[in-house]
Amino acid sequence: MASEPRITIIENGPYKVEGHVPLTQDAIVSTNGHYPMQYRRVCDYATEDRDGYLLCRCGRSKAMPFCNGTHARIGFRAEECASRAPYAERAQRYTGPELVLFDDNRCAYARFCHRMDSEVWSLTEDATDEATRENAIAAAWECPTGRLVSCDLASGEVYEQPFEPSIVILEDVEERASGPLFVRGGIPLVGSDGFQYEVQNRYALCRCGHSKDVPFCDAYHVTYRFYDGSPSFEGHYGSEDPSIEALPKPGATPPRTDRPTTTL
């Protein structure tokens, strides 16, 4: 019997992924040199027949994105130091005329928060027409870290993409840096000490080995120009990731996350 989707952090080692979780690779590219950024599909990994696999966390594997034991040879150390407080306790609130934006400042510098010659915070505050409202929501729900969460002010409904459990290897072509693991669809994350982190629809895990907010990405892959040999840096990527909804569908009921939104 197949196990349920789960990611377990092995102490000073890789991420252990269980439960037939699909694994793909996307390039982060601009739209003709401008915002908004796009997720463009690079490749799909053949993991369908695997109940589990190990993903590199030290940033030094020669079998990227998979672990090949290099962490043990180099003496990799990465103590989990990120806050374990619930999102509702960490997030700041920004209120606009129709939307509420929550922001916990956990940034991977993916830049999806920039749209319409503006950014998600200003768009939220200016969202009095349909186009601005849609773009404010999109600027929040495309963020891979789960940092930004947009809600309807009147109803309290949370706008989230309906992801299936999956992991995307991100490659930031614009910044010439290989990015984090974009974990989607509410996959539970278990720490090396057995602690279960709050379940989230979106979160980004460090795989460059340099984060100061372990296990989460804090954009140090850009600082260190982490590179995993992806063909995307030579322009080899395809169309937009079909699992990403660029804008909310008019009249659609936004799916809720597992977050305790009533306390936000």
Protein backbone atom coordinates (compact mmCIF):
# COMPACT_ATOMS: atom_id res chain seq x y z
CA MET A 1 0.00 0.00 0.00
CA ALA A 2 1.35 3.43 -0.98
CA SER A 3 2.11 5.83 1.85
CA GLU A 4 0.48 9.23 2.19
CA PRO A 5 2.38 12.25 0.80
CA ARG A 6 4.90 13.53 3.32
CA ILE A 7 8.32 15.19 3.46
CA THR A 8 10.66 14.34 6.32
CA ILE A 9 13.85 16.27 6.98
CA ILE A 10 16.75 13.92 7.67
CA GLU A 11 19.15 15.45 10.18
CA ASN A 12 22.04 17.06 8.28
CA GLY A 13 20.86 15.11 5.26
CA PRO A 14 18.30 15.18 2.45
CA TYR A 15 14.55 15.55 2.28
CA LYS A 16 12.79 12.20 2.31
CA VAL A 17 9.71 12.39 0.09
CA GLU A 18 7.05 9.71 0.46
CA GLY A 19 3.75 8.96 -1.22
CA HIS A 20 4.10 9.04 -5.03
CA VAL A 21 4.55 12.82 -5.13
CA PRO A 22 4.99 14.11 -8.72
CA LEU A 23 8.25 16.00 -9.28
CA THR A 24 8.75 18.56 -12.04
CA GLN A 25 11.10 21.44 -12.87
CA ASP A 26 10.00 24.98 -13.78
CA ALA A 27 11.96 28.01 -14.92
CA ILE A 28 11.10 31.42 -13.49
CA VAL A 29 11.14 33.88 -16.39
CA SER A 30 9.76 37.33 -17.07
CA THR A 31 6.99 38.18 -19.54
CA ASN A 32 8.93 39.64 -22.45
CA GLY A 33 11.37 41.26 -20.06
CA HIS A 34 8.68 42.63 -17.76
CA TYR A 35 6.46 41.59 -14.87
CA PRO A 36 4.57 39.43 -14.15
CA MET A 37 6.96 36.52 -13.79
CA GLN A 38 5.96 33.13 -15.21
CA TYR A 39 6.47 29.50 -14.29
CA ARG A 40 7.64 27.74 -17.48
CA ARG A 41 7.93 23.94 -17.58
CA VAL A 42 11.43 22.52 -18.04
CA CYS A 43 10.91 18.80 -17.45
CA ASP A 44 9.01 16.11 -15.59
CA TYR A 45 10.88 13.54 -13.52
CA ALA A 46 9.92 9.87 -13.73
CA THR A 47 8.77 9.41 -10.13
CA GLU A 48 5.34 7.90 -10.79
CA ASP A 49 6.49 4.39 -9.87
CA ARG A 50 8.38 5.50 -6.78
CA ASP A 51 6.71 5.52 -3.40
CA GLY A 52 9.55 7.73 -2.22
CA TYR A 53 12.77 9.49 -3.15
CA LEU A 54 15.48 11.64 -1.54
CA LEU A 55 16.05 15.26 -2.60
CA CYS A 56 19.37 17.02 -2.06
CA ARG A 57 19.46 19.61 0.71
CA CYS A 58 23.19 20.41 0.87
CA GLY A 59 23.39 21.85 -2.65
CA ARG A 60 26.38 19.71 -3.63
CA SER A 61 24.90 16.53 -5.08
CA LYS A 62 26.20 15.34 -8.45
CA ALA A 63 22.79 13.78 -9.17
CA MET A 64 20.59 16.87 -8.84
CA PRO A 65 17.89 17.22 -7.72
CA PHE A 66 18.34 13.87 -5.97
CA CYS A 67 20.63 13.08 -3.05
CA ASN A 68 23.77 11.04 -3.79
CA GLY A 69 25.28 11.05 -0.30
CA THR A 70 27.52 14.11 -0.76
CA HIS A 71 26.15 15.65 2.46
CA ALA A 72 27.89 12.93 4.48
CA ARG A 73 31.22 13.33 2.67
CA ILE A 74 31.35 17.12 3.14
CA GLY A 75 30.04 17.13 6.72
CA PHE A 76 26.93 19.15 5.88
CA ARG A 77 25.25 20.77 8.89
CA ALA A 78 21.92 22.59 8.79
CA GLU A 79 20.06 23.02 12.05
CA GLU A 80 16.38 23.84 11.72
CA CYS A 81 16.06 27.40 12.99
CA ALA A 82 12.94 28.80 11.32
CA SER A 83 10.06 29.90 13.51
CA ARG A 84 7.60 27.11 14.22
CA ALA A 85 4.83 29.49 15.22
CA PRO A 86 1.61 29.26 13.16
CA TYR A 87 1.29 31.49 10.13
CA ALA A 88 -1.54 33.44 11.82
CA GLU A 89 0.83 34.48 14.60
CA ARG A 90 3.65 35.53 12.27
CA ALA A 91 1.80 37.33 9.49
CA GLN A 92 1.22 41.07 9.19
CA ARG A 93 -2.16 42.26 7.95
CA TYR A 94 -2.74 44.77 5.14
CA THR A 95 -6.35 45.84 4.59
CA GLY A 96 -7.73 47.25 1.36
CA PRO A 97 -11.25 48.24 0.28
CA GLU A 98 -12.14 44.68 -0.83
CA LEU A 99 -9.19 42.44 0.06
CA VAL A 100 -7.05 41.62 3.05
CA LEU A 101 -3.43 40.60 2.50
CA PHE A 102 -1.39 38.63 5.03
CA ASP A 103 2.41 38.59 4.81
CA ASP A 104 4.82 36.60 6.99
CA ASN A 105 7.95 37.99 5.22
CA ARG A 106 9.29 34.54 4.27
CA CYS A 107 10.77 35.53 0.89
CA ALA A 108 12.47 33.49 -1.85
CA TYR A 109 12.87 36.49 -4.19
CA ALA A 110 10.71 34.87 -6.86
CA ARG A 111 9.12 38.25 -7.66
CA PHE A 112 5.62 37.00 -8.48
CA CYS A 113 4.34 39.71 -6.11
CA HIS A 114 5.04 42.31 -8.83
CA ARG A 115 2.32 42.93 -11.46
CA MET A 116 0.71 45.79 -13.40
CA ASP A 117 3.73 48.09 -12.80
CA SER A 118 2.95 47.72 -9.10
CA GLU A 119 3.20 45.14 -6.30
CA VAL A 120 0.82 43.09 -4.19
CA TRP A 121 0.71 45.47 -1.22
CA SER A 122 -0.30 48.50 -3.32
CA LEU A 123 -2.61 46.42 -5.51
CA THR A 124 -4.44 45.21 -2.39
CA GLU A 125 -4.88 48.77 -1.16
CA ASP A 126 -6.07 49.92 -4.62
CA ALA A 127 -8.34 46.98 -5.46
CA THR A 128 -11.60 48.74 -6.27
CA ASP A 129 -11.99 47.39 -9.83
CA GLU A 130 -12.04 43.81 -11.13
CA ALA A 131 -8.69 43.91 -12.94
CA THR A 132 -6.79 45.29 -9.95
CA ARG A 133 -8.53 42.86 -7.62
CA GLU A 134 -7.66 39.85 -9.79
CA ASN A 135 -4.05 40.92 -10.11
CA ALA A 136 -3.75 41.52 -6.37
CA ILE A 137 -4.95 37.96 -5.72
CA ALA A 138 -2.66 36.53 -8.40
CA ALA A 139 0.34 38.41 -7.00
CA ALA A 140 -0.27 36.69 -3.68
CA TRP A 141 -1.22 33.17 -4.69
CA GLU A 142 1.62 32.70 -7.18
CA CYS A 143 4.24 33.27 -4.47
CA PRO A 144 5.97 29.89 -3.95
CA THR A 145 6.80 30.41 -0.28
CA GLY A 146 3.22 30.87 0.94
CA ARG A 147 4.37 34.20 2.36
CA LEU A 148 1.41 36.05 0.86
CA VAL A 149 -2.23 35.09 1.41
CA SER A 150 -5.10 37.11 -0.03
CA CYS A 151 -8.60 37.02 1.48
CA ASP A 152 -11.95 38.57 0.67
CA LEU A 153 -12.61 41.35 3.17
CA ALA A 154 -16.37 40.80 3.37
CA SER A 155 -16.58 36.99 3.49
CA GLY A 156 -13.16 36.04 4.87
CA GLU A 157 -12.72 33.51 2.05
CA VAL A 158 -9.09 32.68 1.32
CA TYR A 159 -7.86 32.72 -2.27
CA GLU A 160 -5.60 29.72 -2.90
CA GLN A 161 -4.78 27.67 -5.97
CA PRO A 162 -6.25 24.13 -5.95
CA PHE A 163 -2.91 22.32 -6.11
CA GLU A 164 -2.56 18.55 -5.99
CA PRO A 165 0.33 17.31 -3.81
CA SER A 166 3.43 17.97 -5.92
CA ILE A 167 6.96 19.38 -5.82
CA VAL A 168 8.48 21.76 -8.37
CA ILE A 169 12.24 22.34 -8.69
CA LEU A 170 12.53 26.07 -9.37
CA GLU A 171 15.21 27.59 -11.62
CA ASP A 172 15.48 31.38 -11.60
CA VAL A 173 16.64 32.03 -15.14
CA GLU A 174 16.46 35.82 -14.76
CA GLU A 175 18.77 35.79 -11.73
CA ARG A 176 20.96 32.95 -13.06
CA ALA A 177 20.41 30.96 -9.88
CA SER A 178 18.82 27.60 -9.13
CA GLY A 179 16.00 28.09 -6.67
CA PRO A 180 14.15 26.21 -3.93
CA LEU A 181 11.75 23.30 -3.83
CA PHE A 182 8.24 24.66 -4.40
CA VAL A 183 6.07 22.30 -2.34
CA ARG A 184 2.37 22.39 -3.19
CA GLY A 185 -0.93 20.88 -2.21
CA GLY A 186 -0.65 20.65 1.56
CA ILE A 187 2.14 18.06 1.84
CA PRO A 188 2.97 17.62 5.55
CA LEU A 189 6.52 18.57 6.54
CA VAL A 190 8.15 16.72 9.44
CA GLY A 191 11.30 18.05 11.10
CA SER A 192 14.36 15.98 11.90
CA ASP A 193 13.20 15.90 15.54
CA GLY A 194 9.71 14.66 14.61
CA PHE A 195 8.02 18.07 14.84
CA GLN A 196 5.21 18.46 12.26
CA TYR A 197 5.16 21.92 10.77
CA GLU A 198 1.89 23.69 10.06
CA VAL A 199 0.29 22.30 6.89
CA GLN A 200 0.39 24.81 4.03
CA ASN A 201 -0.82 24.80 0.45
CA ARG A 202 2.45 26.45 -0.62
CA TYR A 203 5.92 26.53 0.88
CA ALA A 204 9.51 26.69 -0.38
CA LEU A 205 12.32 24.54 1.00
CA CYS A 206 15.99 25.47 0.77
CA ARG A 207 18.15 23.19 -1.36
CA CYS A 208 21.24 25.37 -1.83
CA GLY A 209 22.51 24.70 1.69
CA HIS A 210 22.91 28.38 2.59
CA SER A 211 19.56 29.43 4.11
CA LYS A 212 19.55 31.21 7.46
CA ASP A 213 15.91 30.18 7.95
CA VAL A 214 16.29 26.40 7.69
CA PRO A 215 14.43 24.48 6.36
CA PHE A 216 12.77 27.25 4.37
CA CYS A 217 14.20 29.26 1.50
CA ASP A 218 15.31 32.80 2.27
CA ALA A 219 16.71 33.70 -1.18
CA TYR A 220 20.36 32.97 -0.36
CA HIS A 221 20.47 30.86 -3.54
CA VAL A 222 20.54 34.19 -5.38
CA THR A 223 23.32 35.60 -3.20
CA TYR A 224 25.47 32.50 -3.71
CA ARG A 225 24.40 31.99 -7.36
CA PHE A 226 23.53 28.38 -6.65
CA TYR A 227 23.65 26.37 -9.88
CA ASP A 228 22.49 22.79 -10.39
CA GLY A 229 23.16 22.41 -14.12
CA SER A 230 19.57 22.91 -15.29
CA PRO A 231 19.15 23.20 -19.08
CA SER A 232 16.80 26.12 -18.45
CA PHE A 233 19.80 28.47 -18.21
CA GLU A 234 20.50 27.73 -21.87
CA GLY A 235 16.92 28.64 -22.79
CA HIS A 236 15.56 25.10 -22.73
CA TYR A 237 12.09 25.49 -21.26
CA GLY A 238 8.60 25.19 -22.65
CA SER A 239 5.16 26.66 -22.11
CA GLU A 240 3.67 27.91 -18.88
CA ASP A 241 3.14 25.39 -16.09
CA PRO A 242 -0.42 24.13 -16.74
CA SER A 243 -1.09 23.62 -13.03
CA ILE A 244 -0.79 27.35 -12.31
CA GLU A 245 -3.89 29.53 -12.63
CA ALA A 246 -2.64 32.98 -13.59
CA LEU A 247 -5.81 34.78 -12.50
CA PRO A 248 -8.82 33.73 -10.42
CA LYS A 249 -11.81 32.66 -12.46
CA PRO A 250 -14.71 35.17 -12.22
CA GLY A 251 -17.43 33.84 -9.97
CA ALA A 252 -15.36 30.89 -8.74
CA THR A 253 -15.48 29.98 -5.07
CA PRO A 254 -11.92 30.26 -3.75
CA PRO A 255 -10.73 27.07 -2.02
CA ARG A 256 -9.70 27.34 1.61
CA THR A 257 -6.28 26.45 2.94
CA ASP A 258 -5.63 24.43 6.07
CA ARG A 259 -4.56 27.58 7.87
CA PRO A 260 -6.62 28.80 10.83
CA THR A 261 -7.95 31.70 8.79
CA THR A 262 -10.52 32.70 11.38
CA THR A 263 -7.67 33.99 13.57
CA LEU A 264 -5.96 36.01 10.84
